[in-house]
Amino acid sequence: VDAAALGTWALTAGVFVLAGAVKGLLGLGLPTVSMALLALWMP
């Protein structure tokens, strides 16, 4: 359970790194990217 939770946190953090990179490059996209990817495995 701990390993799964840690993996989920790492995956979530990776999504925000990617979403932040898109926003840093284009000025938008953080909620779009994060919602699109996070919604693949969470409500």
PDB file of all heavy atoms in Angstrom:
ATOM      1  N   VAL A   1       0.835  -1.196   0.000  1.00  0.00           N
ATOM      2  CA  VAL A   1       0.000   0.000   0.000  1.00  0.00           C
ATOM      3  C   VAL A   1       0.871   1.247   0.000  1.00  0.00           C
ATOM      4  O   VAL A   1       0.635   2.207  -0.721  1.00  0.00           O
ATOM      5  CB  VAL A   1      -0.951  -0.009   1.210  1.00  0.00           C
ATOM      6  CG1 VAL A   1      -1.705   1.298   1.278  1.00  0.00           C
ATOM      7  CG2 VAL A   1      -1.914  -1.183   1.122  1.00  0.00           C
ATOM      8  N   ASP A   2       1.950   1.228   0.825  1.00  0.00           N
ATOM      9  CA  ASP A   2       2.843   2.380   0.889  1.00  0.00           C
ATOM     10  C   ASP A   2       3.534   2.607  -0.456  1.00  0.00           C
ATOM     11  O   ASP A   2       3.689   3.745  -0.893  1.00  0.00           O
ATOM     12  CB  ASP A   2       3.887   2.166   1.981  1.00  0.00           C
ATOM     13  CG  ASP A   2       3.284   2.185   3.374  1.00  0.00           C
ATOM     14  OD1 ASP A   2       2.167   2.736   3.513  1.00  0.00           O
ATOM     15  OD2 ASP A   2       3.922   1.653   4.287  1.00  0.00           O
ATOM     16  N   ALA A   3       3.983   1.515  -1.086  1.00  0.00           N
ATOM     17  CA  ALA A   3       4.645   1.641  -2.386  1.00  0.00           C
ATOM     18  C   ALA A   3       3.680   2.188  -3.434  1.00  0.00           C
ATOM     19  O   ALA A   3       4.050   3.033  -4.257  1.00  0.00           O
ATOM     20  CB  ALA A   3       5.199   0.279  -2.824  1.00  0.00           C
ATOM     21  N   ALA A   4       2.424   1.729  -3.379  1.00  0.00           N
ATOM     22  CA  ALA A   4       1.434   2.223  -4.332  1.00  0.00           C
ATOM     23  C   ALA A   4       1.158   3.704  -4.113  1.00  0.00           C
ATOM     24  O   ALA A   4       1.047   4.474  -5.073  1.00  0.00           O
ATOM     25  CB  ALA A   4       0.143   1.414  -4.207  1.00  0.00           C
ATOM     26  N   ALA A   5       1.036   4.103  -2.827  1.00  0.00           N
ATOM     27  CA  ALA A   5       0.787   5.516  -2.522  1.00  0.00           C
ATOM     28  C   ALA A   5       1.958   6.380  -2.966  1.00  0.00           C
ATOM     29  O   ALA A   5       1.775   7.471  -3.527  1.00  0.00           O
ATOM     30  CB  ALA A   5       0.529   5.691  -1.032  1.00  0.00           C
ATOM     31  N   LEU A   6       3.187   5.888  -2.726  1.00  0.00           N
ATOM     32  CA  LEU A   6       4.372   6.639  -3.145  1.00  0.00           C
ATOM     33  C   LEU A   6       4.427   6.772  -4.657  1.00  0.00           C
ATOM     34  O   LEU A   6       4.760   7.829  -5.201  1.00  0.00           O
ATOM     35  CB  LEU A   6       5.631   5.941  -2.624  1.00  0.00           C
ATOM     36  CG  LEU A   6       6.961   6.647  -2.922  1.00  0.00           C
ATOM     37  CD1 LEU A   6       6.993   8.032  -2.272  1.00  0.00           C
ATOM     38  CD2 LEU A   6       8.129   5.796  -2.423  1.00  0.00           C
ATOM     39  N   GLY A   7       4.077   5.678  -5.349  1.00  0.00           N
ATOM     40  CA  GLY A   7       4.056   5.730  -6.807  1.00  0.00           C
ATOM     41  C   GLY A   7       3.027   6.716  -7.334  1.00  0.00           C
ATOM     42  O   GLY A   7       3.282   7.437  -8.296  1.00  0.00           O
ATOM     43  N   THR A   8       1.855   6.756  -6.676  1.00  0.00           N
ATOM     44  CA  THR A   8       0.815   7.696  -7.083  1.00  0.00           C
ATOM     45  C   THR A   8       1.264   9.133  -6.885  1.00  0.00           C
ATOM     46  O   THR A   8       1.037  10.001  -7.738  1.00  0.00           O
ATOM     47  CB  THR A   8      -0.485   7.437  -6.299  1.00  0.00           C
ATOM     48  OG1 THR A   8      -0.924   6.103  -6.556  1.00  0.00           O
ATOM     49  CG2 THR A   8      -1.578   8.405  -6.723  1.00  0.00           C
ATOM     50  N   TRP A   9       1.910   9.408  -5.750  1.00  0.00           N
ATOM     51  CA  TRP A   9       2.426  10.752  -5.489  1.00  0.00           C
ATOM     52  C   TRP A   9       3.476  11.149  -6.532  1.00  0.00           C
ATOM     53  O   TRP A   9       3.466  12.275  -7.039  1.00  0.00           O
ATOM     54  CB  TRP A   9       3.025  10.820  -4.083  1.00  0.00           C
ATOM     55  CG  TRP A   9       2.061  11.284  -3.058  1.00  0.00           C
ATOM     56  CD1 TRP A   9       1.060  10.558  -2.469  1.00  0.00           C
ATOM     57  CD2 TRP A   9       1.987  12.595  -2.495  1.00  0.00           C
ATOM     58  NE1 TRP A   9       0.376  11.333  -1.576  1.00  0.00           N
ATOM     59  CE2 TRP A   9       0.914  12.574  -1.556  1.00  0.00           C
ATOM     60  CE3 TRP A   9       2.710  13.761  -2.672  1.00  0.00           C
ATOM     61  CZ2 TRP A   9       0.560  13.706  -0.825  1.00  0.00           C
ATOM     62  CZ3 TRP A   9       2.355  14.883  -1.933  1.00  0.00           C
ATOM     63  CH2 TRP A   9       1.289  14.850  -1.033  1.00  0.00           C
ATOM     64  N   ALA A  10       4.383  10.213  -6.840  1.00  0.00           N
ATOM     65  CA  ALA A  10       5.419  10.520  -7.822  1.00  0.00           C
ATOM     66  C   ALA A  10       4.800  10.783  -9.193  1.00  0.00           C
ATOM     67  O   ALA A  10       5.220  11.702  -9.910  1.00  0.00           O
ATOM     68  CB  ALA A  10       6.419   9.357  -7.898  1.00  0.00           C
ATOM     69  N   LEU A  11       3.811   9.977  -9.555  1.00  0.00           N
ATOM     70  CA  LEU A  11       3.140  10.161 -10.839  1.00  0.00           C
ATOM     71  C   LEU A  11       2.407  11.497 -10.883  1.00  0.00           C
ATOM     72  O   LEU A  11       2.456  12.224 -11.892  1.00  0.00           O
ATOM     73  CB  LEU A  11       2.171   9.012 -11.072  1.00  0.00           C
ATOM     74  CG  LEU A  11       1.612   8.825 -12.486  1.00  0.00           C
ATOM     75  CD1 LEU A  11       2.729   8.627 -13.494  1.00  0.00           C
ATOM     76  CD2 LEU A  11       0.655   7.640 -12.525  1.00  0.00           C
ATOM     77  N   THR A  12       1.740  11.847  -9.783  1.00  0.00           N
ATOM     78  CA  THR A  12       1.028  13.129  -9.710  1.00  0.00           C
ATOM     79  C   THR A  12       2.002  14.295  -9.814  1.00  0.00           C
ATOM     80  O   THR A  12       1.756  15.278 -10.535  1.00  0.00           O
ATOM     81  CB  THR A  12       0.233  13.218  -8.396  1.00  0.00           C
ATOM     82  OG1 THR A  12      -0.687  12.119  -8.321  1.00  0.00           O
ATOM     83  CG2 THR A  12      -0.543  14.528  -8.324  1.00  0.00           C
ATOM     84  N   ALA A  13       3.132  14.194  -9.092  1.00  0.00           N
ATOM     85  CA  ALA A  13       4.141  15.256  -9.164  1.00  0.00           C
ATOM     86  C   ALA A  13       4.691  15.387 -10.579  1.00  0.00           C
ATOM     87  O   ALA A  13       4.921  16.496 -11.078  1.00  0.00           O
ATOM     88  CB  ALA A  13       5.273  14.970  -8.179  1.00  0.00           C
ATOM     89  N   GLY A  14       4.883  14.239 -11.255  1.00  0.00           N
ATOM     90  CA  GLY A  14       5.362  14.285 -12.632  1.00  0.00           C
ATOM     91  C   GLY A  14       4.387  14.987 -13.558  1.00  0.00           C
ATOM     92  O   GLY A  14       4.804  15.723 -14.465  1.00  0.00           O
ATOM     93  N   VAL A  15       3.090  14.779 -13.325  1.00  0.00           N
ATOM     94  CA  VAL A  15       2.079  15.470 -14.120  1.00  0.00           C
ATOM     95  C   VAL A  15       2.206  16.978 -13.938  1.00  0.00           C
ATOM     96  O   VAL A  15       2.132  17.745 -14.920  1.00  0.00           O
ATOM     97  CB  VAL A  15       0.663  14.988 -13.729  1.00  0.00           C
ATOM     98  CG1 VAL A  15      -0.402  15.924 -14.301  1.00  0.00           C
ATOM     99  CG2 VAL A  15       0.439  13.573 -14.223  1.00  0.00           C
ATOM    100  N   PHE A  16       2.414  17.438 -12.695  1.00  0.00           N
ATOM    101  CA  PHE A  16       2.503  18.881 -12.461  1.00  0.00           C
ATOM    102  C   PHE A  16       3.808  19.462 -12.999  1.00  0.00           C
ATOM    103  O   PHE A  16       3.844  20.636 -13.390  1.00  0.00           O
ATOM    104  CB  PHE A  16       2.335  19.178 -10.974  1.00  0.00           C
ATOM    105  CG  PHE A  16       0.888  19.240 -10.554  1.00  0.00           C
ATOM    106  CD1 PHE A  16       0.257  18.150  -9.981  1.00  0.00           C
ATOM    107  CD2 PHE A  16       0.142  20.390 -10.774  1.00  0.00           C
ATOM    108  CE1 PHE A  16      -1.076  18.200  -9.623  1.00  0.00           C
ATOM    109  CE2 PHE A  16      -1.195  20.452 -10.421  1.00  0.00           C
ATOM    110  CZ  PHE A  16      -1.808  19.348  -9.845  1.00  0.00           C
ATOM    111  N   VAL A  17       4.880  18.670 -13.022  1.00  0.00           N
ATOM    112  CA  VAL A  17       6.101  19.146 -13.672  1.00  0.00           C
ATOM    113  C   VAL A  17       5.838  19.365 -15.160  1.00  0.00           C
ATOM    114  O   VAL A  17       6.209  20.402 -15.732  1.00  0.00           O
ATOM    115  CB  VAL A  17       7.261  18.147 -13.466  1.00  0.00           C
ATOM    116  CG1 VAL A  17       8.454  18.543 -14.336  1.00  0.00           C
ATOM    117  CG2 VAL A  17       7.678  18.105 -12.006  1.00  0.00           C
ATOM    118  N   LEU A  18       5.195  18.386 -15.790  1.00  0.00           N
ATOM    119  CA  LEU A  18       4.874  18.506 -17.217  1.00  0.00           C
ATOM    120  C   LEU A  18       3.921  19.668 -17.470  1.00  0.00           C
ATOM    121  O   LEU A  18       4.134  20.479 -18.387  1.00  0.00           O
ATOM    122  CB  LEU A  18       4.253  17.198 -17.704  1.00  0.00           C
ATOM    123  CG  LEU A  18       3.762  17.186 -19.164  1.00  0.00           C
ATOM    124  CD1 LEU A  18       4.918  17.434 -20.120  1.00  0.00           C
ATOM    125  CD2 LEU A  18       3.084  15.851 -19.486  1.00  0.00           C
ATOM    126  N   ALA A  19       2.861  19.781 -16.656  1.00  0.00           N
ATOM    127  CA  ALA A  19       1.889  20.858 -16.840  1.00  0.00           C
ATOM    128  C   ALA A  19       2.542  22.218 -16.605  1.00  0.00           C
ATOM    129  O   ALA A  19       2.259  23.188 -17.322  1.00  0.00           O
ATOM    130  CB  ALA A  19       0.714  20.668 -15.882  1.00  0.00           C
ATOM    131  N   GLY A  20       3.418  22.319 -15.600  1.00  0.00           N
ATOM    132  CA  GLY A  20       4.125  23.570 -15.354  1.00  0.00           C
ATOM    133  C   GLY A  20       5.049  23.934 -16.498  1.00  0.00           C
ATOM    134  O   GLY A  20       5.190  25.109 -16.851  1.00  0.00           O
ATOM    135  N   ALA A  21       5.688  22.920 -17.107  1.00  0.00           N
ATOM    136  CA  ALA A  21       6.576  23.183 -18.237  1.00  0.00           C
ATOM    137  C   ALA A  21       5.797  23.739 -19.420  1.00  0.00           C
ATOM    138  O   ALA A  21       6.249  24.665 -20.110  1.00  0.00           O
ATOM    139  CB  ALA A  21       7.302  21.901 -18.631  1.00  0.00           C
ATOM    140  N   VAL A  22       4.608  23.189 -19.667  1.00  0.00           N
ATOM    141  CA  VAL A  22       3.761  23.700 -20.749  1.00  0.00           C
ATOM    142  C   VAL A  22       3.374  25.149 -20.472  1.00  0.00           C
ATOM    143  O   VAL A  22       3.413  26.002 -21.359  1.00  0.00           O
ATOM    144  CB  VAL A  22       2.509  22.812 -20.908  1.00  0.00           C
ATOM    145  CG1 VAL A  22       1.531  23.442 -21.885  1.00  0.00           C
ATOM    146  CG2 VAL A  22       2.898  21.416 -21.382  1.00  0.00           C
ATOM    147  N   LYS A  23       2.999  25.437 -19.222  1.00  0.00           N
ATOM    148  CA  LYS A  23       2.625  26.809 -18.871  1.00  0.00           C
ATOM    149  C   LYS A  23       3.819  27.757 -18.994  1.00  0.00           C
ATOM    150  O   LYS A  23       3.676  28.894 -19.453  1.00  0.00           O
ATOM    151  CB  LYS A  23       2.057  26.861 -17.454  1.00  0.00           C
ATOM    152  CG  LYS A  23       1.556  28.252 -17.067  1.00  0.00           C
ATOM    153  CD  LYS A  23       0.845  28.225 -15.729  1.00  0.00           C
ATOM    154  CE  LYS A  23       0.336  29.612 -15.347  1.00  0.00           C
ATOM    155  NZ  LYS A  23      -0.619  30.148 -16.332  1.00  0.00           N
ATOM    156  N   GLY A  24       5.000  27.298 -18.579  1.00  0.00           N
ATOM    157  CA  GLY A  24       6.183  28.137 -18.704  1.00  0.00           C
ATOM    158  C   GLY A  24       6.525  28.454 -20.137  1.00  0.00           C
ATOM    159  O   GLY A  24       7.043  29.534 -20.438  1.00  0.00           O
ATOM    160  N   LEU A  25       6.213  27.526 -21.039  1.00  0.00           N
ATOM    161  CA  LEU A  25       6.526  27.730 -22.447  1.00  0.00           C
ATOM    162  C   LEU A  25       5.466  28.539 -23.173  1.00  0.00           C
ATOM    163  O   LEU A  25       5.778  29.424 -23.973  1.00  0.00           O
ATOM    164  CB  LEU A  25       6.704  26.369 -23.136  1.00  0.00           C
ATOM    165  CG  LEU A  25       7.124  26.381 -24.598  1.00  0.00           C
ATOM    166  CD1 LEU A  25       8.501  27.031 -24.751  1.00  0.00           C
ATOM    167  CD2 LEU A  25       7.154  24.970 -25.153  1.00  0.00           C
ATOM    168  N   LEU A  26       4.172  28.261 -22.874  1.00  0.00           N
ATOM    169  CA  LEU A  26       3.073  28.864 -23.635  1.00  0.00           C
ATOM    170  C   LEU A  26       2.284  29.911 -22.870  1.00  0.00           C
ATOM    171  O   LEU A  26       1.512  30.664 -23.463  1.00  0.00           O
ATOM    172  CB  LEU A  26       2.097  27.778 -24.110  1.00  0.00           C
ATOM    173  CG  LEU A  26       2.654  26.713 -25.047  1.00  0.00           C
ATOM    174  CD1 LEU A  26       1.574  25.707 -25.388  1.00  0.00           C
ATOM    175  CD2 LEU A  26       3.231  27.341 -26.298  1.00  0.00           C
ATOM    176  N   GLY A  27       2.415  29.958 -21.528  1.00  0.00           N
ATOM    177  CA  GLY A  27       1.630  30.893 -20.735  1.00  0.00           C
ATOM    178  C   GLY A  27       0.273  30.356 -20.327  1.00  0.00           C
ATOM    179  O   GLY A  27      -0.497  31.034 -19.663  1.00  0.00           O
ATOM    180  N   LEU A  28      -0.053  29.131 -20.695  1.00  0.00           N
ATOM    181  CA  LEU A  28      -1.316  28.491 -20.342  1.00  0.00           C
ATOM    182  C   LEU A  28      -1.118  26.989 -20.436  1.00  0.00           C
ATOM    183  O   LEU A  28      -0.084  26.511 -20.906  1.00  0.00           O
ATOM    184  CB  LEU A  28      -2.454  28.920 -21.274  1.00  0.00           C
ATOM    185  CG  LEU A  28      -2.485  28.380 -22.706  1.00  0.00           C
ATOM    186  CD1 LEU A  28      -3.823  28.700 -23.340  1.00  0.00           C
ATOM    187  CD2 LEU A  28      -1.380  28.951 -23.582  1.00  0.00           C
ATOM    188  N   GLY A  29      -2.112  26.230 -19.952  1.00  0.00           N
ATOM    189  CA  GLY A  29      -2.057  24.788 -20.116  1.00  0.00           C
ATOM    190  C   GLY A  29      -1.907  23.995 -18.838  1.00  0.00           C
ATOM    191  O   GLY A  29      -2.071  22.779 -18.852  1.00  0.00           O
ATOM    192  N   LEU A  30      -1.611  24.654 -17.691  1.00  0.00           N
ATOM    193  CA  LEU A  30      -1.419  23.882 -16.458  1.00  0.00           C
ATOM    194  C   LEU A  30      -2.688  23.134 -16.055  1.00  0.00           C
ATOM    195  O   LEU A  30      -2.640  21.922 -15.827  1.00  0.00           O
ATOM    196  CB  LEU A  30      -0.915  24.782 -15.331  1.00  0.00           C
ATOM    197  CG  LEU A  30      -0.458  24.067 -14.057  1.00  0.00           C
ATOM    198  CD1 LEU A  30       0.661  24.833 -13.361  1.00  0.00           C
ATOM    199  CD2 LEU A  30      -1.598  23.852 -13.067  1.00  0.00           C
ATOM    200  N   PRO A  31      -3.853  23.786 -15.950  1.00  0.00           N
ATOM    201  CA  PRO A  31      -5.048  23.024 -15.591  1.00  0.00           C
ATOM    202  C   PRO A  31      -5.477  22.044 -16.673  1.00  0.00           C
ATOM    203  O   PRO A  31      -5.965  20.952 -16.376  1.00  0.00           O
ATOM    204  CB  PRO A  31      -6.114  24.107 -15.369  1.00  0.00           C
ATOM    205  CG  PRO A  31      -5.633  25.267 -16.154  1.00  0.00           C
ATOM    206  CD  PRO A  31      -4.133  25.222 -16.082  1.00  0.00           C
ATOM    207  N   THR A  32      -5.279  22.419 -17.936  1.00  0.00           N
ATOM    208  CA  THR A  32      -5.691  21.540 -19.028  1.00  0.00           C
ATOM    209  C   THR A  32      -4.908  20.235 -18.995  1.00  0.00           C
ATOM    210  O   THR A  32      -5.478  19.144 -19.044  1.00  0.00           O
ATOM    211  CB  THR A  32      -5.474  22.236 -20.376  1.00  0.00           C
ATOM    212  OG1 THR A  32      -6.070  23.518 -20.351  1.00  0.00           O
ATOM    213  CG2 THR A  32      -6.061  21.425 -21.518  1.00  0.00           C
ATOM    214  N   VAL A  33      -3.578  20.338 -18.919  1.00  0.00           N
ATOM    215  CA  VAL A  33      -2.735  19.147 -18.918  1.00  0.00           C
ATOM    216  C   VAL A  33      -2.941  18.336 -17.646  1.00  0.00           C
ATOM    217  O   VAL A  33      -3.086  17.106 -17.687  1.00  0.00           O
ATOM    218  CB  VAL A  33      -1.254  19.539 -19.084  1.00  0.00           C
ATOM    219  CG1 VAL A  33      -0.348  18.324 -18.918  1.00  0.00           C
ATOM    220  CG2 VAL A  33      -1.031  20.177 -20.451  1.00  0.00           C
ATOM    221  N   SER A  34      -2.950  19.014 -16.499  1.00  0.00           N
ATOM    222  CA  SER A  34      -3.071  18.287 -15.234  1.00  0.00           C
ATOM    223  C   SER A  34      -4.428  17.589 -15.112  1.00  0.00           C
ATOM    224  O   SER A  34      -4.491  16.421 -14.708  1.00  0.00           O
ATOM    225  CB  SER A  34      -2.842  19.230 -14.039  1.00  0.00           C
ATOM    226  OG  SER A  34      -3.731  20.326 -14.078  1.00  0.00           O
ATOM    227  N   MET A  35      -5.520  18.270 -15.476  1.00  0.00           N
ATOM    228  CA  MET A  35      -6.835  17.630 -15.404  1.00  0.00           C
ATOM    229  C   MET A  35      -6.939  16.463 -16.387  1.00  0.00           C
ATOM    230  O   MET A  35      -7.468  15.394 -16.053  1.00  0.00           O
ATOM    231  CB  MET A  35      -7.943  18.643 -15.702  1.00  0.00           C
ATOM    232  CG  MET A  35      -8.338  19.501 -14.517  1.00  0.00           C
ATOM    233  SD  MET A  35      -9.073  18.572 -13.160  1.00  0.00           S
ATOM    234  CE  MET A  35     -10.582  17.981 -13.918  1.00  0.00           C
ATOM    235  N   ALA A  36      -6.432  16.655 -17.598  1.00  0.00           N
ATOM    236  CA  ALA A  36      -6.527  15.600 -18.602  1.00  0.00           C
ATOM    237  C   ALA A  36      -5.794  14.342 -18.162  1.00  0.00           C
ATOM    238  O   ALA A  36      -6.291  13.219 -18.347  1.00  0.00           O
ATOM    239  CB  ALA A  36      -5.969  16.098 -19.933  1.00  0.00           C
ATOM    240  N   LEU A  37      -4.617  14.500 -17.566  1.00  0.00           N
ATOM    241  CA  LEU A  37      -3.819  13.338 -17.178  1.00  0.00           C
ATOM    242  C   LEU A  37      -4.242  12.768 -15.827  1.00  0.00           C
ATOM    243  O   LEU A  37      -4.335  11.547 -15.671  1.00  0.00           O
ATOM    244  CB  LEU A  37      -2.333  13.718 -17.161  1.00  0.00           C
ATOM    245  CG  LEU A  37      -1.746  14.099 -18.525  1.00  0.00           C
ATOM    246  CD1 LEU A  37      -0.277  14.457 -18.390  1.00  0.00           C
ATOM    247  CD2 LEU A  37      -1.920  12.963 -19.525  1.00  0.00           C
ATOM    248  N   LEU A  38      -4.503  13.632 -14.848  1.00  0.00           N
ATOM    249  CA  LEU A  38      -4.904  13.127 -13.538  1.00  0.00           C
ATOM    250  C   LEU A  38      -6.240  12.392 -13.605  1.00  0.00           C
ATOM    251  O   LEU A  38      -6.465  11.427 -12.868  1.00  0.00           O
ATOM    252  CB  LEU A  38      -4.996  14.278 -12.533  1.00  0.00           C
ATOM    253  CG  LEU A  38      -3.679  14.951 -12.137  1.00  0.00           C
ATOM    254  CD1 LEU A  38      -3.944  16.128 -11.197  1.00  0.00           C
ATOM    255  CD2 LEU A  38      -2.726  13.970 -11.481  1.00  0.00           C
ATOM    256  N   ALA A  39      -7.130  12.840 -14.498  1.00  0.00           N
ATOM    257  CA  ALA A  39      -8.438  12.198 -14.623  1.00  0.00           C
ATOM    258  C   ALA A  39      -8.343  10.785 -15.176  1.00  0.00           C
ATOM    259  O   ALA A  39      -9.327  10.044 -15.150  1.00  0.00           O
ATOM    260  CB  ALA A  39      -9.352  13.035 -15.522  1.00  0.00           C
ATOM    261  N   LEU A  40      -7.153  10.378 -15.638  1.00  0.00           N
ATOM    262  CA  LEU A  40      -6.985   9.017 -16.119  1.00  0.00           C
ATOM    263  C   LEU A  40      -6.989   8.005 -14.983  1.00  0.00           C
ATOM    264  O   LEU A  40      -7.287   6.827 -15.209  1.00  0.00           O
ATOM    265  CB  LEU A  40      -5.673   8.895 -16.910  1.00  0.00           C
ATOM    266  CG  LEU A  40      -5.569   9.735 -18.194  1.00  0.00           C
ATOM    267  CD1 LEU A  40      -4.211   9.547 -18.836  1.00  0.00           C
ATOM    268  CD2 LEU A  40      -6.679   9.361 -19.172  1.00  0.00           C
ATOM    269  N   TRP A  41      -6.667   8.446 -13.747  1.00  0.00           N
ATOM    270  CA  TRP A  41      -6.622   7.479 -12.638  1.00  0.00           C
ATOM    271  C   TRP A  41      -7.258   7.972 -11.338  1.00  0.00           C
ATOM    272  O   TRP A  41      -7.229   7.278 -10.338  1.00  0.00           O
ATOM    273  CB  TRP A  41      -5.178   7.024 -12.360  1.00  0.00           C
ATOM    274  CG  TRP A  41      -4.302   8.047 -11.714  1.00  0.00           C
ATOM    275  CD1 TRP A  41      -4.210   8.359 -10.380  1.00  0.00           C
ATOM    276  CD2 TRP A  41      -3.360   8.888 -12.373  1.00  0.00           C
ATOM    277  NE1 TRP A  41      -3.284   9.347 -10.176  1.00  0.00           N
ATOM    278  CE2 TRP A  41      -2.737   9.679 -11.382  1.00  0.00           C
ATOM    279  CE3 TRP A  41      -2.968   9.052 -13.707  1.00  0.00           C
ATOM    280  CZ2 TRP A  41      -1.758  10.623 -11.684  1.00  0.00           C
ATOM    281  CZ3 TRP A  41      -1.990   9.985 -13.995  1.00  0.00           C
ATOM    282  CH2 TRP A  41      -1.407  10.750 -12.994  1.00  0.00           C
ATOM    283  N   MET A  42      -7.854   9.166 -11.339  1.00  0.00           N
ATOM    284  CA  MET A  42      -8.513   9.640 -10.128  1.00  0.00           C
ATOM    285  C   MET A  42      -9.787  10.395 -10.503  1.00  0.00           C
ATOM    286  O   MET A  42      -9.939  10.838 -11.650  1.00  0.00           O
ATOM    287  CB  MET A  42      -7.584  10.541  -9.304  1.00  0.00           C
ATOM    288  CG  MET A  42      -7.258  11.875  -9.941  1.00  0.00           C
ATOM    289  SD  MET A  42      -6.275  12.967  -8.854  1.00  0.00           S
ATOM    290  CE  MET A  42      -4.784  12.007  -8.628  1.00  0.00           C
ATOM    291  N   PRO A  43     -10.741  10.541  -9.566  1.00  0.00           N
ATOM    292  CA  PRO A  43     -11.959  11.298  -9.846  1.00  0.00           C
ATOM    293  C   PRO A  43     -11.648  12.735 -10.242  1.00  0.00           C
ATOM    294  O   PRO A  43     -10.671  13.329  -9.760  1.00  0.00           O
ATOM    295  CB  PRO A  43     -12.733  11.248  -8.522  1.00  0.00           C
ATOM    296  CG  PRO A  43     -12.189  10.058  -7.817  1.00  0.00           C
ATOM    297  CD  PRO A  43     -10.752   9.958  -8.215  1.00  0.00           C
TER     298      PRO A  43
END
